[in-house]
Amino acid sequence: MAPRDVLLVILRDLFPAWDIWTCDRGVWRAAGSMLVSASTAEALMEHLAGAGPDAFQAAARAFAGRAA
C-alpha cells in the first residue's frame, strides 16, 4: 500500500462525513457540505478545518486518543 493510500484511509476515518479522494492528477479532494480541492494533503486538512471546525477538533481528539 502506498503512503498516499494510507493517508487516504486515515483522513476518511477521521472525517467520516466527507468523501475524500485524489484525482488522476494528484489533486486532493473532499466532498461534504461543499467541494474542497487542494494540491497537498496538508492543505486539504486546512480546508476541512475551516469548513467544519467542530468536526476537525473532534478528529484531532480522536487521533490523539489513538496515539496514546
N, C-alpha and C. Protein backbone atom coordinates (compact mmCIF):
# COMPACT_ATOMS: atom_id res chain seq x y z
N MET A 1 0.85 -1.17 0.00
CA MET A 1 0.00 0.00 0.00
C MET A 1 0.90 1.24 0.00
N ALA A 2 0.62 2.16 -0.87
CA ALA A 2 1.40 3.39 -1.00
C ALA A 2 1.08 4.35 0.16
N PRO A 3 2.02 5.22 0.52
CA PRO A 3 1.78 6.19 1.59
C PRO A 3 0.52 7.02 1.36
N ARG A 4 0.26 7.41 0.11
CA ARG A 4 -0.94 8.18 -0.19
C ARG A 4 -2.20 7.40 0.17
N ASP A 5 -2.19 6.09 -0.09
CA ASP A 5 -3.35 5.26 0.24
C ASP A 5 -3.57 5.19 1.74
N VAL A 6 -2.49 5.09 2.49
CA VAL A 6 -2.59 5.06 3.95
C VAL A 6 -3.16 6.37 4.46
N LEU A 7 -2.67 7.47 3.93
CA LEU A 7 -3.17 8.78 4.35
C LEU A 7 -4.65 8.94 4.00
N LEU A 8 -5.07 8.44 2.86
CA LEU A 8 -6.49 8.50 2.49
C LEU A 8 -7.34 7.72 3.49
N VAL A 9 -6.88 6.55 3.90
CA VAL A 9 -7.63 5.75 4.88
C VAL A 9 -7.76 6.51 6.19
N ILE A 10 -6.66 7.11 6.63
CA ILE A 10 -6.68 7.86 7.89
C ILE A 10 -7.63 9.05 7.80
N LEU A 11 -7.53 9.83 6.73
CA LEU A 11 -8.40 11.00 6.58
C LEU A 11 -9.86 10.60 6.49
N ARG A 12 -10.16 9.52 5.79
CA ARG A 12 -11.55 9.06 5.68
C ARG A 12 -12.08 8.62 7.04
N ASP A 13 -11.22 8.01 7.84
CA ASP A 13 -11.62 7.58 9.18
C ASP A 13 -11.84 8.78 10.10
N LEU A 14 -10.97 9.78 9.99
CA LEU A 14 -11.09 10.95 10.85
C LEU A 14 -12.24 11.87 10.46
N PHE A 15 -12.58 11.89 9.17
CA PHE A 15 -13.65 12.77 8.67
C PHE A 15 -14.71 11.94 7.95
N PRO A 16 -15.50 11.16 8.71
CA PRO A 16 -16.46 10.25 8.08
C PRO A 16 -17.59 10.96 7.31
N ALA A 17 -17.82 12.23 7.58
CA ALA A 17 -18.89 12.95 6.88
C ALA A 17 -18.45 13.42 5.49
N TRP A 18 -17.17 13.23 5.17
CA TRP A 18 -16.62 13.69 3.90
C TRP A 18 -16.21 12.51 3.03
N ASP A 19 -16.43 12.62 1.74
CA ASP A 19 -15.86 11.69 0.77
C ASP A 19 -14.52 12.28 0.36
N ILE A 20 -13.43 11.55 0.59
CA ILE A 20 -12.09 12.08 0.33
C ILE A 20 -11.38 11.17 -0.66
N TRP A 21 -10.75 11.78 -1.66
CA TRP A 21 -10.05 11.02 -2.69
C TRP A 21 -8.99 11.90 -3.35
N THR A 22 -8.16 11.28 -4.18
CA THR A 22 -7.24 12.03 -5.02
C THR A 22 -7.61 11.73 -6.47
N CYS A 23 -7.53 12.74 -7.30
CA CYS A 23 -7.85 12.55 -8.71
C CYS A 23 -6.62 12.03 -9.45
N ASP A 24 -6.79 11.74 -10.73
CA ASP A 24 -5.69 11.18 -11.51
C ASP A 24 -4.52 12.15 -11.68
N ARG A 25 -4.72 13.41 -11.38
CA ARG A 25 -3.63 14.41 -11.45
C ARG A 25 -2.99 14.68 -10.10
N GLY A 26 -3.40 13.92 -9.09
CA GLY A 26 -2.81 14.07 -7.76
C GLY A 26 -3.43 15.14 -6.90
N VAL A 27 -4.54 15.71 -7.33
CA VAL A 27 -5.22 16.74 -6.54
C VAL A 27 -6.04 16.05 -5.45
N TRP A 28 -5.91 16.55 -4.24
CA TRP A 28 -6.68 16.02 -3.11
C TRP A 28 -8.05 16.68 -3.11
N ARG A 29 -9.10 15.89 -2.93
CA ARG A 29 -10.46 16.43 -2.95
C ARG A 29 -11.27 15.85 -1.80
N ALA A 30 -12.22 16.65 -1.34
CA ALA A 30 -13.16 16.22 -0.30
C ALA A 30 -14.53 16.80 -0.64
N ALA A 31 -15.54 15.97 -0.56
CA ALA A 31 -16.92 16.41 -0.80
C ALA A 31 -17.73 16.13 0.45
N GLY A 32 -18.36 17.17 0.93
CA GLY A 32 -19.22 17.08 2.10
C GLY A 32 -20.26 18.16 1.97
N SER A 33 -20.23 19.11 2.88
CA SER A 33 -21.14 20.24 2.78
C SER A 33 -20.76 21.15 1.62
N MET A 34 -19.54 20.95 1.09
CA MET A 34 -19.05 21.68 -0.08
C MET A 34 -17.97 20.82 -0.73
N LEU A 35 -17.50 21.20 -1.90
CA LEU A 35 -16.40 20.52 -2.57
C LEU A 35 -15.12 21.28 -2.29
N VAL A 36 -14.10 20.57 -1.80
CA VAL A 36 -12.83 21.18 -1.46
C VAL A 36 -11.75 20.51 -2.29
N SER A 37 -10.86 21.30 -2.86
CA SER A 37 -9.72 20.79 -3.61
C SER A 37 -8.45 21.43 -3.09
N ALA A 38 -7.37 20.64 -3.07
CA ALA A 38 -6.08 21.15 -2.61
C ALA A 38 -4.96 20.38 -3.29
N SER A 39 -3.81 21.02 -3.38
CA SER A 39 -2.67 20.39 -4.04
C SER A 39 -1.92 19.43 -3.12
N THR A 40 -2.12 19.55 -1.80
CA THR A 40 -1.46 18.66 -0.84
C THR A 40 -2.46 18.19 0.21
N ALA A 41 -2.11 17.11 0.89
CA ALA A 41 -2.96 16.62 1.96
C ALA A 41 -3.03 17.63 3.10
N GLU A 42 -1.92 18.29 3.37
CA GLU A 42 -1.90 19.28 4.44
C GLU A 42 -2.86 20.44 4.13
N ALA A 43 -2.85 20.89 2.90
CA ALA A 43 -3.75 21.98 2.51
C ALA A 43 -5.20 21.52 2.58
N LEU A 44 -5.46 20.26 2.22
CA LEU A 44 -6.82 19.73 2.31
C LEU A 44 -7.29 19.74 3.76
N MET A 45 -6.42 19.34 4.68
CA MET A 45 -6.79 19.35 6.09
C MET A 45 -7.08 20.77 6.58
N GLU A 46 -6.33 21.74 6.11
CA GLU A 46 -6.60 23.13 6.48
C GLU A 46 -7.98 23.56 5.99
N HIS A 47 -8.32 23.17 4.77
CA HIS A 47 -9.65 23.49 4.23
C HIS A 47 -10.75 22.79 5.03
N LEU A 48 -10.53 21.53 5.38
CA LEU A 48 -11.52 20.81 6.17
C LEU A 48 -11.70 21.45 7.54
N ALA A 49 -10.60 21.91 8.12
CA ALA A 49 -10.69 22.58 9.42
C ALA A 49 -11.50 23.87 9.31
N GLY A 50 -11.33 24.59 8.21
CA GLY A 50 -12.09 25.82 8.01
C GLY A 50 -13.55 25.55 7.70
N ALA A 51 -13.82 24.47 6.99
CA ALA A 51 -15.20 24.14 6.61
C ALA A 51 -16.00 23.60 7.78
N GLY A 52 -15.33 22.91 8.69
CA GLY A 52 -16.03 22.33 9.84
C GLY A 52 -15.13 22.30 11.05
N PRO A 53 -14.95 23.43 11.72
CA PRO A 53 -14.04 23.48 12.87
C PRO A 53 -14.38 22.47 13.97
N ASP A 54 -15.67 22.26 14.21
CA ASP A 54 -16.05 21.30 15.25
C ASP A 54 -15.67 19.88 14.85
N ALA A 55 -15.89 19.53 13.58
CA ALA A 55 -15.53 18.20 13.10
C ALA A 55 -14.01 18.02 13.14
N PHE A 56 -13.28 19.08 12.82
CA PHE A 56 -11.82 18.98 12.84
C PHE A 56 -11.33 18.77 14.27
N GLN A 57 -11.90 19.48 15.22
CA GLN A 57 -11.49 19.30 16.62
C GLN A 57 -11.82 17.90 17.11
N ALA A 58 -12.98 17.38 16.72
CA ALA A 58 -13.34 16.01 17.09
C ALA A 58 -12.36 15.01 16.48
N ALA A 59 -11.96 15.24 15.22
CA ALA A 59 -11.00 14.37 14.57
C ALA A 59 -9.66 14.43 15.28
N ALA A 60 -9.24 15.62 15.68
CA ALA A 60 -7.97 15.77 16.39
C ALA A 60 -8.00 15.04 17.73
N ARG A 61 -9.12 15.13 18.44
CA ARG A 61 -9.24 14.41 19.72
C ARG A 61 -9.20 12.91 19.49
N ALA A 62 -9.89 12.43 18.46
CA ALA A 62 -9.90 11.01 18.15
C ALA A 62 -8.50 10.52 17.81
N PHE A 63 -7.78 11.30 17.01
CA PHE A 63 -6.43 10.92 16.63
C PHE A 63 -5.50 10.91 17.84
N ALA A 64 -5.62 11.91 18.70
CA ALA A 64 -4.77 11.98 19.90
C ALA A 64 -5.08 10.81 20.84
N GLY A 65 -6.32 10.41 20.92
CA GLY A 65 -6.70 9.28 21.76
C GLY A 65 -6.13 7.98 21.26
N ARG A 66 -6.03 7.83 19.95
CA ARG A 66 -5.46 6.60 19.38
C ARG A 66 -3.96 6.55 19.53
N ALA A 67 -3.33 7.71 19.53
CA ALA A 67 -1.87 7.77 19.62
C ALA A 67 -1.38 7.49 21.04
N ALA A 68 -2.27 7.67 22.01
CA ALA A 68 -1.87 7.48 23.42
C ALA A 68 -1.73 6.02 23.78
